[in-house]
Amino acid sequence: SPGWTSDDKTLIVYDKYDIWLLSPDGKSKNRITNGREKKIQFRIADDLAPKIRAQGTADIIIREFDLAKGLILEAVGEDFKSGYYRWTVKNKLQSLIYQNSKINHLKSSANTATGIIIEQKASVPPAIKLLNLESGKSSLLLQTNPHYAKFKASAVEMIHYKAVNNQNLHGILYYPTNFQIGKKYPMIVYIYSRQSKYFHEYYNPTLYSTVGLSPTNYTSDGYLVLYPDIVYELGEPGKSALNCVEAAINIVEKKRIVDSHKIGIIGHSFGGFEVDYIITQTNRFAAAVSGAAVTDFTSSYLSINLYSGYSNAWRYETQQYRMGKSFFENQEQYLNNSPVLLASKITTPLLSWSGK
């Protein structure tokens, strides 16, 4: 729930796709968007939503929405289009801007019908645009990196595959800048969790990436780069990553464009754990890079977070590491997902790194 209406009569809630207006007594429920039908996820534009911190607390945010003024909504489609809609009591749902690109970061001054947005594509760097929040008309304000037009862009493709309980997954495949049909290329696989949402992300070449990888560096040097989606079974984060990554690579290999003897894998933080686990299970990678990885679930589960002062157990029981149970309920699975205990199986050359 993002909050209440300003008259305190209606609670606003989200489901996977849509926005609902609910009365506290349960007698009234009104779905104000059609996201489920169009496979578009609607959310109230967070950058425009007023936030009031509850007095005496650090964590409770109070947000109120005046329906009489209407709502500006973020929209992200399963076809990776994105943009903004406007909802009003009178006119209901109207599209302002919704395109085959990444559109976000809407900002607006109070009491104005004009905002600014950022729009980008994998081949076009971010542009700042003016957007009329009533008519939807937009105009270019600033194009960053205008020199991009002098350089050849890498082709980008969305691949599709099934893994982990037969779920439909996607992956981003970046082609070498000077790709030639009939030639096979080395490939770098970058892993984390779901990454298809970055399909329209523009990446500058850089040696200062915080995760150790800029795909543009590699595509300009003659590499394929793959960003596969990963989904998980509770208690099996390592095996889930292995299954999803291998399924995605198999799809690329069917295209006959990758040199199967020259595939590298890299991940950072949670992705670093996934890399370390995967190379204990397969020797298909020519080299691996693991950044800031947790390799021992037991010691990590029992440790105290240096910054918060709280136990790290919650990260395993209910959060990113997806074990679903405490270490004391399922010790065997904690050990089975600890790459350091499986290190004797590794034959892949591995670079481990931490810090910046």
Protein backbone atom coordinates (compact mmCIF):
# COMPACT_ATOMS: atom_id res chain seq x y z
CA SER A 1 0.00 0.00 0.00
CA PRO A 2 1.44 3.39 -0.97
CA GLY A 3 -0.91 5.22 1.42
CA TRP A 4 -4.40 6.71 1.98
CA THR A 5 -6.46 9.32 0.22
CA SER A 6 -6.29 12.77 1.82
CA ASP A 7 -9.86 12.47 3.17
CA ASP A 8 -8.91 9.24 5.05
CA LYS A 9 -11.85 7.42 3.44
CA THR A 10 -9.94 5.19 1.02
CA LEU A 11 -6.92 2.92 1.26
CA ILE A 12 -4.82 2.56 -1.90
CA VAL A 13 -3.28 -0.87 -2.56
CA TYR A 14 -1.30 -2.57 -5.32
CA ASP A 15 -1.51 -6.06 -6.76
CA LYS A 16 0.95 -7.45 -9.33
CA TYR A 17 -0.41 -5.20 -12.08
CA ASP A 18 -3.04 -2.80 -10.81
CA ILE A 19 -4.02 -0.08 -8.36
CA TRP A 20 -7.12 -0.50 -6.17
CA LEU A 21 -9.15 1.92 -4.05
CA LEU A 22 -10.60 0.16 -0.97
CA SER A 23 -12.95 1.38 1.74
CA PRO A 24 -11.87 0.36 5.27
CA ASP A 25 -15.21 -1.39 5.90
CA GLY A 26 -14.69 -3.66 2.88
CA LYS A 27 -17.90 -2.53 1.17
CA SER A 28 -16.23 -0.74 -1.72
CA LYS A 29 -13.37 -1.86 -3.97
CA ASN A 30 -12.50 -0.15 -7.22
CA ARG A 31 -9.71 -1.14 -9.64
CA ILE A 32 -8.68 2.07 -11.41
CA THR A 33 -6.20 0.57 -13.92
CA ASN A 34 -6.36 -2.20 -16.53
CA GLY A 35 -2.87 -3.58 -16.10
CA ARG A 36 -3.85 -7.23 -15.78
CA GLU A 37 -5.47 -7.17 -19.21
CA LYS A 38 -2.65 -5.25 -20.88
CA LYS A 39 0.18 -6.93 -18.90
CA ILE A 40 1.33 -3.52 -17.64
CA GLN A 41 2.32 -2.85 -14.03
CA PHE A 42 0.92 0.47 -12.78
CA ARG A 43 2.26 2.30 -9.72
CA ILE A 44 1.79 5.84 -8.43
CA ALA A 45 4.79 7.90 -9.58
CA ASP A 46 6.92 7.70 -6.48
CA ASP A 47 9.05 10.74 -7.28
CA LEU A 48 5.93 12.93 -7.25
CA ALA A 49 4.28 11.41 -4.17
CA PRO A 50 4.55 13.66 -1.10
CA LYS A 51 6.28 11.96 1.82
CA ILE A 52 5.86 12.99 5.47
CA ARG A 53 7.99 11.24 8.07
CA ALA A 54 5.93 10.32 11.12
CA GLN A 55 6.94 12.36 14.15
CA GLY A 56 9.38 10.59 16.44
CA THR A 57 10.14 7.74 14.03
CA ALA A 58 12.85 7.01 11.48
CA ASP A 59 10.97 4.40 9.47
CA ILE A 60 7.27 5.25 9.17
CA ILE A 61 6.38 7.33 6.12
CA ILE A 62 2.94 8.91 5.83
CA ARG A 63 1.69 9.52 2.30
CA GLU A 64 -1.62 11.03 1.27
CA PHE A 65 -3.14 11.34 -2.20
CA ASP A 66 -5.77 13.86 -3.28
CA LEU A 67 -7.87 12.03 -5.87
CA ALA A 68 -9.57 15.27 -6.89
CA LYS A 69 -6.21 16.39 -8.33
CA GLY A 70 -5.69 13.09 -10.12
CA LEU A 71 -2.74 10.71 -10.05
CA ILE A 72 0.34 10.37 -12.26
CA LEU A 73 1.16 6.68 -12.69
CA GLU A 74 4.33 4.85 -13.69
CA ALA A 75 3.74 2.10 -16.26
CA VAL A 76 6.08 -0.79 -17.09
CA GLY A 77 4.96 -3.49 -19.52
CA GLU A 78 5.96 -7.12 -19.76
CA ASP A 79 7.03 -6.24 -23.32
CA PHE A 80 9.57 -3.84 -21.68
CA LYS A 81 7.83 -0.67 -22.83
CA SER A 82 7.53 2.02 -20.15
CA GLY A 83 6.20 5.49 -19.47
CA TYR A 84 3.54 7.44 -17.61
CA TYR A 85 -0.26 7.59 -17.45
CA ARG A 86 -2.63 10.08 -15.86
CA TRP A 87 -5.72 9.02 -13.88
CA THR A 88 -8.54 11.38 -12.94
CA VAL A 89 -11.98 10.78 -11.48
CA LYS A 90 -13.58 12.26 -14.61
CA ASN A 91 -11.45 10.89 -17.47
CA LYS A 92 -10.18 7.73 -15.80
CA LEU A 93 -6.95 6.34 -17.32
CA GLN A 94 -5.10 8.23 -20.08
CA SER A 95 -1.66 7.52 -21.57
CA LEU A 96 0.80 10.43 -21.42
CA ILE A 97 3.89 8.75 -22.86
CA TYR A 98 4.42 5.00 -23.27
CA GLN A 99 7.16 3.80 -25.61
CA ASN A 100 9.61 1.02 -26.43
CA SER A 101 12.33 2.52 -24.24
CA LYS A 102 13.17 3.09 -20.58
CA ILE A 103 11.34 6.17 -19.29
CA ASN A 104 11.59 7.11 -15.60
CA HIS A 105 12.72 9.64 -12.97
CA LEU A 106 9.76 11.97 -13.44
CA LYS A 107 10.25 15.22 -11.51
CA SER A 108 7.90 18.19 -11.29
CA SER A 109 7.59 21.41 -9.35
CA ALA A 110 4.48 21.91 -7.24
CA ASN A 111 1.35 23.22 -8.98
CA THR A 112 2.70 22.86 -12.50
CA ALA A 113 1.55 20.79 -15.46
CA THR A 114 5.12 20.28 -16.72
CA GLY A 115 7.65 17.70 -15.58
CA ILE A 116 10.98 16.32 -16.72
CA ILE A 117 11.71 12.67 -17.52
CA ILE A 118 14.74 10.62 -18.53
CA GLU A 119 14.48 8.39 -21.60
CA GLN A 120 17.09 5.92 -22.86
CA LYS A 121 17.61 2.77 -24.93
CA ALA A 122 20.48 0.31 -25.05
CA SER A 123 21.79 2.10 -28.13
CA VAL A 124 20.83 5.67 -27.16
CA PRO A 125 22.20 7.38 -24.02
CA PRO A 126 19.84 9.07 -21.55
CA ALA A 127 18.02 12.19 -22.70
CA ILE A 128 16.25 14.66 -20.44
CA LYS A 129 12.84 15.61 -21.83
CA LEU A 130 10.07 18.01 -20.89
CA LEU A 131 6.70 16.30 -20.47
CA ASN A 132 3.33 18.01 -20.28
CA LEU A 133 1.46 16.13 -17.54
CA GLU A 134 -1.92 16.93 -19.07
CA SER A 135 -1.47 16.58 -22.84
CA GLY A 136 1.45 14.12 -22.84
CA LYS A 137 3.43 16.19 -25.33
CA SER A 138 7.20 15.88 -24.87
CA SER A 139 10.23 17.75 -26.19
CA LEU A 140 13.98 17.22 -25.92
CA LEU A 141 15.73 19.35 -23.31
CA LEU A 142 19.18 17.73 -23.22
CA GLN A 143 20.78 14.76 -24.98
CA THR A 144 23.68 13.37 -22.95
CA ASN A 145 26.78 12.02 -24.70
CA PRO A 146 25.88 13.46 -28.12
CA HIS A 147 29.08 11.94 -29.51
CA TYR A 148 27.40 8.51 -29.28
CA ALA A 149 26.18 8.97 -32.86
CA LYS A 150 29.79 8.73 -34.09
CA PHE A 151 30.19 5.20 -32.74
CA LYS A 152 28.69 1.93 -33.88
CA ALA A 153 26.18 0.55 -31.37
CA SER A 154 25.94 -3.09 -30.35
CA ALA A 155 22.80 -4.97 -31.38
CA VAL A 156 20.71 -6.18 -28.42
CA GLU A 157 18.28 -9.10 -28.39
CA MET A 158 15.92 -10.58 -25.81
CA ILE A 159 16.20 -14.36 -25.57
CA HIS A 160 13.57 -16.63 -24.00
CA TYR A 161 13.94 -19.92 -22.13
CA LYS A 162 12.39 -22.07 -19.40
CA ALA A 163 13.91 -23.12 -16.06
CA VAL A 164 13.00 -23.80 -12.40
CA ASN A 165 9.48 -25.25 -12.38
CA ASN A 166 9.18 -24.55 -16.12
CA GLN A 167 8.90 -20.78 -15.66
CA ASN A 168 9.19 -18.52 -18.71
CA LEU A 169 12.36 -16.45 -18.37
CA HIS A 170 14.18 -13.83 -20.44
CA GLY A 171 17.78 -12.86 -20.97
CA ILE A 172 19.53 -9.90 -22.61
CA LEU A 173 22.05 -10.82 -25.31
CA TYR A 174 24.45 -8.09 -26.44
CA TYR A 175 26.19 -8.72 -29.76
CA PRO A 176 29.77 -7.72 -30.65
CA THR A 177 29.87 -4.31 -32.30
CA ASN A 178 31.31 -5.75 -35.53
CA PHE A 179 29.27 -8.97 -35.48
CA GLN A 180 29.58 -11.16 -38.56
CA ILE A 181 27.22 -14.01 -39.46
CA GLY A 182 29.02 -17.36 -39.55
CA LYS A 183 31.64 -16.41 -36.97
CA LYS A 184 31.72 -17.67 -33.37
CA TYR A 185 32.56 -15.30 -30.52
CA PRO A 186 33.68 -15.59 -26.89
CA MET A 187 30.96 -14.69 -24.37
CA ILE A 188 30.78 -13.15 -20.91
CA VAL A 189 27.82 -14.14 -18.69
CA TYR A 190 26.91 -11.59 -15.99
CA ILE A 191 24.55 -12.93 -13.31
CA TYR A 192 22.49 -11.63 -10.40
CA SER A 193 18.73 -12.33 -10.34
CA ARG A 194 16.13 -10.95 -12.80
CA GLN A 195 17.96 -8.68 -15.24
CA SER A 196 15.68 -8.51 -18.28
CA LYS A 197 14.32 -5.26 -16.82
CA TYR A 198 17.58 -3.63 -17.93
CA PHE A 199 16.86 -4.33 -21.61
CA HIS A 200 16.75 -0.60 -22.43
CA GLU A 201 19.64 0.40 -20.13
CA TYR A 202 22.43 2.38 -21.78
CA TYR A 203 25.96 1.51 -20.62
CA ASN A 204 28.93 3.78 -21.12
CA PRO A 205 32.28 2.01 -21.51
CA THR A 206 34.12 2.34 -18.20
CA LEU A 207 36.80 0.73 -16.07
CA TYR A 208 35.09 1.96 -12.89
CA SER A 209 31.93 -0.16 -12.80
CA THR A 210 31.04 -0.96 -9.19
CA VAL A 211 30.18 -4.56 -10.17
CA GLY A 212 33.31 -5.02 -12.26
CA LEU A 213 31.66 -5.15 -15.67
CA SER A 214 30.46 -2.78 -18.37
CA PRO A 215 28.99 -4.77 -21.29
CA THR A 216 30.05 -2.07 -23.74
CA ASN A 217 33.71 -2.70 -22.94
CA TYR A 218 33.32 -6.30 -24.07
CA THR A 219 31.02 -5.87 -27.07
CA SER A 220 33.46 -3.32 -28.51
CA ASP A 221 36.25 -5.88 -28.03
CA GLY A 222 34.45 -8.65 -29.92
CA TYR A 223 32.55 -10.44 -27.14
CA LEU A 224 28.97 -11.53 -26.73
CA VAL A 225 27.56 -10.55 -23.33
CA LEU A 226 24.62 -12.37 -21.72
CA TYR A 227 22.46 -11.13 -18.83
CA PRO A 228 20.17 -14.09 -17.94
CA ASP A 229 17.16 -13.97 -15.61
CA ILE A 230 17.36 -16.22 -12.53
CA VAL A 231 14.41 -17.38 -10.40
CA TYR A 232 14.59 -19.53 -7.30
CA GLU A 233 13.23 -22.45 -5.35
CA LEU A 234 13.27 -21.92 -1.58
CA GLY A 235 16.22 -23.68 -0.02
CA GLU A 236 17.97 -24.08 -3.39
CA PRO A 237 19.45 -20.68 -4.39
CA GLY A 238 22.66 -22.18 -5.77
CA LYS A 239 21.04 -24.95 -7.79
CA SER A 240 18.38 -22.54 -9.08
CA ALA A 241 21.08 -20.18 -10.36
CA LEU A 242 22.91 -23.07 -12.02
CA ASN A 243 19.78 -24.31 -13.81
CA CYS A 244 18.72 -20.87 -15.07
CA VAL A 245 22.19 -19.87 -16.27
CA GLU A 246 22.76 -23.14 -18.10
CA ALA A 247 19.32 -22.95 -19.74
CA ALA A 248 20.06 -19.44 -21.02
CA ILE A 249 23.50 -20.40 -22.35
CA ASN A 250 22.01 -23.41 -24.13
CA ILE A 251 19.65 -21.10 -26.03
CA VAL A 252 22.56 -18.89 -27.16
CA GLU A 253 24.60 -21.94 -28.21
CA LYS A 254 21.76 -23.05 -30.48
CA LYS A 255 22.30 -19.85 -32.47
CA ARG A 256 25.80 -21.15 -33.42
CA ILE A 257 27.38 -17.77 -32.67
CA VAL A 258 29.28 -18.53 -29.44
CA ASP A 259 32.59 -20.33 -28.97
CA SER A 260 31.59 -22.83 -26.26
CA HIS A 261 35.22 -23.17 -25.12
CA LYS A 262 35.48 -19.43 -24.42
CA ILE A 263 32.61 -18.56 -22.06
CA GLY A 264 33.36 -16.59 -18.90
CA ILE A 265 31.09 -15.83 -15.95
CA ILE A 266 31.07 -12.89 -13.53
CA GLY A 267 28.88 -11.78 -10.61
CA HIS A 268 29.07 -9.42 -7.66
CA SER A 269 27.69 -9.68 -4.09
CA PHE A 270 24.76 -12.13 -4.32
CA GLY A 271 25.88 -12.71 -7.91
CA GLY A 272 29.34 -13.51 -6.57
CA PHE A 273 27.88 -16.27 -4.42
CA GLU A 274 26.06 -17.62 -7.47
CA VAL A 275 29.28 -17.66 -9.51
CA ASP A 276 31.16 -19.49 -6.75
CA TYR A 277 28.42 -22.09 -6.40
CA ILE A 278 28.03 -22.63 -10.15
CA ILE A 279 31.72 -23.39 -10.74
CA THR A 280 31.55 -26.10 -8.06
CA GLN A 281 28.94 -27.85 -10.23
CA THR A 282 30.22 -27.41 -13.81
CA ASN A 283 33.46 -26.89 -15.70
CA ARG A 284 31.87 -25.32 -18.81
CA PHE A 285 33.34 -21.87 -18.06
CA ALA A 286 36.82 -20.90 -19.24
CA ALA A 287 37.19 -18.41 -16.37
CA ALA A 288 35.15 -16.90 -13.52
CA VAL A 289 35.16 -13.65 -11.54
CA SER A 290 33.44 -13.45 -8.14
CA GLY A 291 33.06 -10.10 -6.37
CA ALA A 292 32.32 -9.62 -2.64
CA ALA A 293 30.77 -13.08 -2.39
CA VAL A 294 29.35 -14.94 0.60
CA THR A 295 30.79 -18.46 0.37
CA ASP A 296 29.87 -19.87 3.80
CA PHE A 297 26.15 -19.71 4.63
CA THR A 298 26.69 -20.96 8.19
CA SER A 299 29.16 -18.31 9.33
CA SER A 300 27.26 -15.59 7.46
CA TYR A 301 23.90 -16.63 8.96
CA LEU A 302 25.38 -16.54 12.48
CA SER A 303 27.17 -13.21 12.01
CA ILE A 304 26.20 -9.66 13.00
CA ASN A 305 25.95 -6.97 10.34
CA LEU A 306 28.82 -4.54 10.75
CA TYR A 307 26.69 -1.47 9.95
CA SER A 308 23.25 -2.23 11.42
CA GLY A 309 24.34 -4.20 14.47
CA TYR A 310 21.60 -6.78 13.76
CA SER A 311 21.83 -10.48 12.97
CA ASN A 312 22.18 -11.48 9.31
CA ALA A 313 19.80 -14.43 9.81
CA TRP A 314 16.83 -12.63 8.22
CA ARG A 315 18.69 -12.36 4.90
CA TYR A 316 18.58 -16.15 4.71
CA GLU A 317 15.20 -16.94 6.23
CA THR A 318 13.01 -14.42 4.40
CA GLN A 319 15.12 -12.30 2.07
CA GLN A 320 17.61 -12.54 -0.80
CA TYR A 321 19.34 -15.82 0.05
CA ARG A 322 15.94 -17.56 -0.04
CA MET A 323 16.59 -20.46 2.30
CA GLY A 324 13.07 -20.25 3.73
CA LYS A 325 14.06 -21.76 7.07
CA SER A 326 16.54 -21.05 9.83
CA PHE A 327 19.94 -22.72 9.90
CA PHE A 328 18.79 -24.76 12.91
CA GLU A 329 15.82 -26.14 10.95
CA ASN A 330 17.72 -27.03 7.78
CA GLN A 331 21.46 -27.30 8.45
CA GLU A 332 22.08 -29.67 5.55
CA GLN A 333 20.82 -27.20 2.93
CA TYR A 334 22.91 -24.39 4.41
CA LEU A 335 25.99 -26.59 4.03
CA ASN A 336 24.97 -27.69 0.51
CA ASN A 337 24.75 -24.03 -0.60
CA SER A 338 28.14 -23.03 0.84
CA PRO A 339 30.64 -22.94 -2.06
CA VAL A 340 33.67 -22.95 0.26
CA LEU A 341 32.72 -26.46 1.39
CA LEU A 342 32.55 -27.57 -2.26
CA ALA A 343 35.78 -25.87 -3.35
CA SER A 344 37.61 -29.14 -4.02
CA LYS A 345 35.34 -29.62 -7.06
CA ILE A 346 36.42 -26.36 -8.74
CA THR A 347 38.58 -26.62 -11.85
CA THR A 348 37.65 -23.23 -13.33
CA PRO A 349 40.27 -20.43 -13.01
CA LEU A 350 38.71 -18.00 -10.49
CA LEU A 351 39.43 -14.37 -9.63
CA SER A 352 37.86 -13.41 -6.29
CA TRP A 353 37.78 -9.75 -5.33
CA SER A 354 36.22 -7.47 -2.74
CA GLY A 355 36.07 -3.75 -2.01
CA LYS A 356 35.45 -1.14 -4.69
